[in-house]
C-alpha atoms as a PDB file:
ATOM      1  CA  UNK A   1     120.225   6.540  55.679  1.00  0.00           C
ATOM      2  CA  UNK A   2     120.142   9.715  57.850  1.00  0.00           C
ATOM      3  CA  UNK A   3     123.357  11.754  57.862  1.00  0.00           C
ATOM      4  CA  UNK A   4     124.000  13.336  61.273  1.00  0.00           C
ATOM      5  CA  UNK A   5     125.211  16.973  60.882  1.00  0.00           C
ATOM      6  CA  UNK A   6     128.720  17.642  62.022  1.00  0.00           C
ATOM      7  CA  UNK A   7     128.934  20.350  64.660  1.00  0.00           C
ATOM      8  CA  UNK A   8     130.775  23.579  63.668  1.00  0.00           C
ATOM      9  CA  UNK A   9     134.317  23.884  64.551  1.00  0.00           C
ATOM     10  CA  UNK A  10     134.650  26.411  67.483  1.00  0.00           C
ATOM     11  CA  UNK A  11     137.434  29.139  66.969  1.00  0.00           C
ATOM     12  CA  UNK A  12     138.596  31.162  69.606  1.00  0.00           C
ATOM     13  CA  UNK A  13     140.425  34.653  69.684  1.00  0.00           C
ATOM     14  CA  UNK A  14     141.476  36.444  72.630  1.00  0.00           C
ATOM     15  CA  UNK A  15     141.179  40.444  73.294  1.00  0.00           C
ATOM     16  CA  UNK A  16     143.370  41.732  75.899  1.00  0.00           C
ATOM     17  CA  UNK A  17     143.678  45.329  77.362  1.00  0.00           C
ATOM     18  CA  UNK A  18     146.850  46.915  76.404  1.00  0.00           C
ATOM     19  CA  UNK A  19     146.354  50.608  77.796  1.00  0.00           C
ATOM     20  CA  UNK A  20     143.759  53.449  77.685  1.00  0.00           C
ATOM     21  CA  UNK A  21     141.227  52.244  74.906  1.00  0.00           C
ATOM     22  CA  UNK A  22     143.839  50.037  73.144  1.00  0.00           C
ATOM     23  CA  UNK A  23     143.178  46.219  73.054  1.00  0.00           C
ATOM     24  CA  UNK A  24     145.246  43.573  71.403  1.00  0.00           C
ATOM     25  CA  UNK A  25     143.558  40.773  69.629  1.00  0.00           C
ATOM     26  CA  UNK A  26     145.302  37.269  69.394  1.00  0.00           C
ATOM     27  CA  UNK A  27     144.360  34.641  67.129  1.00  0.00           C
ATOM     28  CA  UNK A  28     146.615  31.656  66.050  1.00  0.00           C
ATOM     29  CA  UNK A  29     150.003  33.320  65.627  1.00  0.00           C
ATOM     30  CA  UNK A  30     148.667  36.814  64.757  1.00  0.00           C
ATOM     31  CA  UNK A  31     148.373  39.967  66.609  1.00  0.00           C
ATOM     32  CA  UNK A  32     146.194  43.079  65.833  1.00  0.00           C
ATOM     33  CA  UNK A  33     145.544  45.954  67.880  1.00  0.00           C
ATOM     34  CA  UNK A  34     142.528  48.220  68.251  1.00  0.00           C
ATOM     35  CA  UNK A  35     141.902  51.743  69.504  1.00  0.00           C
ATOM     36  CA  UNK A  36     139.528  54.660  69.589  1.00  0.00           C
ATOM     37  CA  UNK A  37     139.989  57.522  67.205  1.00  0.00           C
ATOM     38  CA  UNK A  38     140.826  60.129  70.007  1.00  0.00           C
ATOM     39  CA  UNK A  39     144.294  58.443  70.588  1.00  0.00           C
ATOM     40  CA  UNK A  40     144.408  56.689  67.136  1.00  0.00           C
ATOM     41  CA  UNK A  41     147.100  54.035  67.756  1.00  0.00           C
ATOM     42  CA  UNK A  42     145.183  51.541  65.569  1.00  0.00           C
ATOM     43  CA  UNK A  43     141.785  51.013  63.747  1.00  0.00           C
ATOM     44  CA  UNK A  44     138.751  51.291  65.804  1.00  0.00           C
ATOM     45  CA  UNK A  45     136.408  48.082  66.282  1.00  0.00           C
ATOM     46  CA  UNK A  46     134.015  49.806  64.001  1.00  0.00           C
ATOM     47  CA  UNK A  47     136.724  50.274  61.248  1.00  0.00           C
ATOM     48  CA  UNK A  48     137.747  46.665  61.623  1.00  0.00           C
ATOM     49  CA  UNK A  49     134.203  45.667  61.110  1.00  0.00           C
ATOM     50  CA  UNK A  50     133.978  47.657  57.833  1.00  0.00           C
ATOM     51  CA  UNK A  51     137.396  46.620  56.852  1.00  0.00           C
ATOM     52  CA  UNK A  52     136.491  43.018  57.611  1.00  0.00           C
ATOM     53  CA  UNK A  53     133.582  43.202  54.984  1.00  0.00           C
ATOM     54  CA  UNK A  54     135.696  45.083  52.413  1.00  0.00           C
ATOM     55  CA  UNK A  55     138.536  42.585  52.566  1.00  0.00           C
ATOM     56  CA  UNK A  56     136.234  39.791  52.367  1.00  0.00           C
ATOM     57  CA  UNK A  57     134.823  41.250  49.086  1.00  0.00           C
ATOM     58  CA  UNK A  58     138.328  41.995  47.847  1.00  0.00           C
ATOM     59  CA  UNK A  59     139.360  38.442  48.416  1.00  0.00           C
ATOM     60  CA  UNK A  60     136.102  37.149  46.654  1.00  0.00           C
ATOM     61  CA  UNK A  61     136.301  39.383  43.817  1.00  0.00           C
ATOM     62  CA  UNK A  62     140.058  38.768  43.462  1.00  0.00           C
ATOM     63  CA  UNK A  63     139.420  35.031  43.364  1.00  0.00           C
ATOM     64  CA  UNK A  64     136.947  35.548  40.478  1.00  0.00           C
ATOM     65  CA  UNK A  65     139.312  37.649  38.509  1.00  0.00           C
ATOM     66  CA  UNK A  66     142.052  34.951  39.033  1.00  0.00           C
ATOM     67  CA  UNK A  67     139.808  32.251  38.092  1.00  0.00           C
ATOM     68  CA  UNK A  68     138.680  34.022  34.899  1.00  0.00           C
ATOM     69  CA  UNK A  69     142.213  34.862  34.012  1.00  0.00           C
ATOM     70  CA  UNK A  70     141.487  38.584  34.256  1.00  0.00           C
ATOM     71  CA  UNK A  71     143.983  40.987  35.308  1.00  0.00           C
ATOM     72  CA  UNK A  72     144.048  41.787  39.234  1.00  0.00           C
ATOM     73  CA  UNK A  73     146.366  44.753  38.457  1.00  0.00           C
ATOM     74  CA  UNK A  74     144.709  47.838  39.952  1.00  0.00           C
ATOM     75  CA  UNK A  75     142.159  45.628  41.728  1.00  0.00           C
ATOM     76  CA  UNK A  76     140.962  47.740  44.728  1.00  0.00           C
ATOM     77  CA  UNK A  77     138.000  47.809  47.133  1.00  0.00           C
ATOM     78  CA  UNK A  78     136.581  51.034  48.812  1.00  0.00           C
ATOM     79  CA  UNK A  79     134.265  51.032  51.670  1.00  0.00           C
ATOM     80  CA  UNK A  80     132.416  54.126  52.868  1.00  0.00           C
ATOM     81  CA  UNK A  81     130.248  54.073  55.829  1.00  0.00           C
ATOM     82  CA  UNK A  82     128.074  56.216  58.132  1.00  0.00           C
ATOM     83  CA  UNK A  83     127.188  55.798  61.489  1.00  0.00           C
ATOM     84  CA  UNK A  84     123.482  56.089  62.660  1.00  0.00           C
ATOM     85  CA  UNK A  85     122.269  59.332  64.254  1.00  0.00           C
ATOM     86  CA  UNK A  86     119.832  57.726  66.491  1.00  0.00           C
ATOM     87  CA  UNK A  87     120.190  54.915  69.152  1.00  0.00           C
ATOM     88  CA  UNK A  88     121.460  52.222  69.502  1.00  0.00           C
ATOM     89  CA  UNK A  89     124.882  53.230  68.249  1.00  0.00           C
ATOM     90  CA  UNK A  90     125.667  51.262  65.141  1.00  0.00           C
ATOM     91  CA  UNK A  91     126.787  51.530  61.544  1.00  0.00           C
ATOM     92  CA  UNK A  92     123.769  52.658  59.467  1.00  0.00           C
ATOM     93  CA  UNK A  93     124.907  52.195  55.965  1.00  0.00           C
ATOM     94  CA  UNK A  94     128.050  50.616  54.203  1.00  0.00           C
ATOM     95  CA  UNK A  95     128.876  51.078  50.387  1.00  0.00           C
ATOM     96  CA  UNK A  96     131.488  48.749  48.933  1.00  0.00           C
ATOM     97  CA  UNK A  97     133.008  49.626  45.447  1.00  0.00           C
ATOM     98  CA  UNK A  98     135.163  47.064  43.671  1.00  0.00           C
ATOM     99  CA  UNK A  99     137.331  48.736  41.124  1.00  0.00           C
ATOM    100  CA  UNK A 100     139.068  46.623  38.385  1.00  0.00           C
ATOM    101  CA  UNK A 101     140.922  47.702  35.515  1.00  0.00           C
ATOM    102  CA  UNK A 102     140.245  44.570  33.466  1.00  0.00           C
ATOM    103  CA  UNK A 103     137.874  44.996  30.678  1.00  0.00           C
ATOM    104  CA  UNK A 104     134.789  43.025  31.724  1.00  0.00           C
ATOM    105  CA  UNK A 105     131.962  41.737  29.400  1.00  0.00           C
ATOM    106  CA  UNK A 106     128.433  42.470  30.835  1.00  0.00           C
ATOM    107  CA  UNK A 107     128.229  38.728  31.705  1.00  0.00           C
ATOM    108  CA  UNK A 108     131.639  38.992  33.654  1.00  0.00           C
ATOM    109  CA  UNK A 109     130.564  42.101  35.317  1.00  0.00           C
ATOM    110  CA  UNK A 110     127.197  40.494  36.473  1.00  0.00           C
ATOM    111  CA  UNK A 111     129.037  37.492  37.602  1.00  0.00           C
ATOM    112  CA  UNK A 112     131.613  39.543  39.594  1.00  0.00           C
ATOM    113  CA  UNK A 113     128.872  41.560  41.237  1.00  0.00           C
ATOM    114  CA  UNK A 114     127.106  38.278  42.240  1.00  0.00           C
ATOM    115  CA  UNK A 115     130.298  36.963  43.747  1.00  0.00           C
ATOM    116  CA  UNK A 116     131.172  40.149  45.607  1.00  0.00           C
ATOM    117  CA  UNK A 117     127.515  40.273  46.977  1.00  0.00           C
ATOM    118  CA  UNK A 118     127.987  36.762  48.547  1.00  0.00           C
ATOM    119  CA  UNK A 119     131.268  36.903  50.532  1.00  0.00           C
ATOM    120  CA  UNK A 120     131.163  35.191  53.901  1.00  0.00           C
ATOM    121  CA  UNK A 121     130.995  38.322  55.867  1.00  0.00           C
ATOM    122  CA  UNK A 122     128.176  39.796  53.709  1.00  0.00           C
ATOM    123  CA  UNK A 123     126.466  36.535  54.152  1.00  0.00           C
ATOM    124  CA  UNK A 124     126.958  36.642  57.955  1.00  0.00           C
ATOM    125  CA  UNK A 125     125.343  40.129  58.078  1.00  0.00           C
ATOM    126  CA  UNK A 126     122.363  39.017  56.007  1.00  0.00           C
ATOM    127  CA  UNK A 127     121.834  36.130  58.231  1.00  0.00           C
ATOM    128  CA  UNK A 128     123.290  37.211  61.646  1.00  0.00           C
ATOM    129  CA  UNK A 129     124.758  34.636  63.861  1.00  0.00           C
ATOM    130  CA  UNK A 130     123.511  33.791  67.321  1.00  0.00           C
ATOM    131  CA  UNK A 131     125.453  35.990  69.633  1.00  0.00           C
ATOM    132  CA  UNK A 132     125.739  35.274  73.393  1.00  0.00           C
ATOM    133  CA  UNK A 133     127.704  37.656  75.600  1.00  0.00           C
ATOM    134  CA  UNK A 134     128.550  36.512  79.196  1.00  0.00           C
ATOM    135  CA  UNK A 135     130.386  37.957  81.969  1.00  0.00           C
ATOM    136  CA  UNK A 136     132.827  35.654  83.971  1.00  0.00           C
ATOM    137  CA  UNK A 137     134.755  36.420  86.890  1.00  0.00           C
ATOM    138  CA  UNK A 138     137.398  33.659  86.312  1.00  0.00           C
ATOM    139  CA  UNK A 139     139.172  32.763  83.220  1.00  0.00           C
ATOM    140  CA  UNK A 140     137.812  29.674  81.306  1.00  0.00           C
END
């Protein structure tokens, strides 16, 4: 018997202009603002991009710690990034560091590293999605 794949669920968020370079993102019952560093009313889109990876790693590593009954006290994730100096404009490098205060065996540390390396955002960066950008003159 052949199984027909289920089409992926389409999620929608909306980004609306607020003022100057500030935008508001709406998704479900949540709102989040972005801005540019010169006015600095919120994180920039690039900062949100890096934060997305870091928080995904934090979630996956935190889940690992909880599942293995290891302390999550002091569990912190740091992300350092650098922009490319050539064109096109882009993030050239990201280094994510997972800090734990729990004492890990070498096997636990290797397993935690593997889990952190396979968070959904990191997987998406390794296998980029198809992206289509359209310009419409009327709302959908």
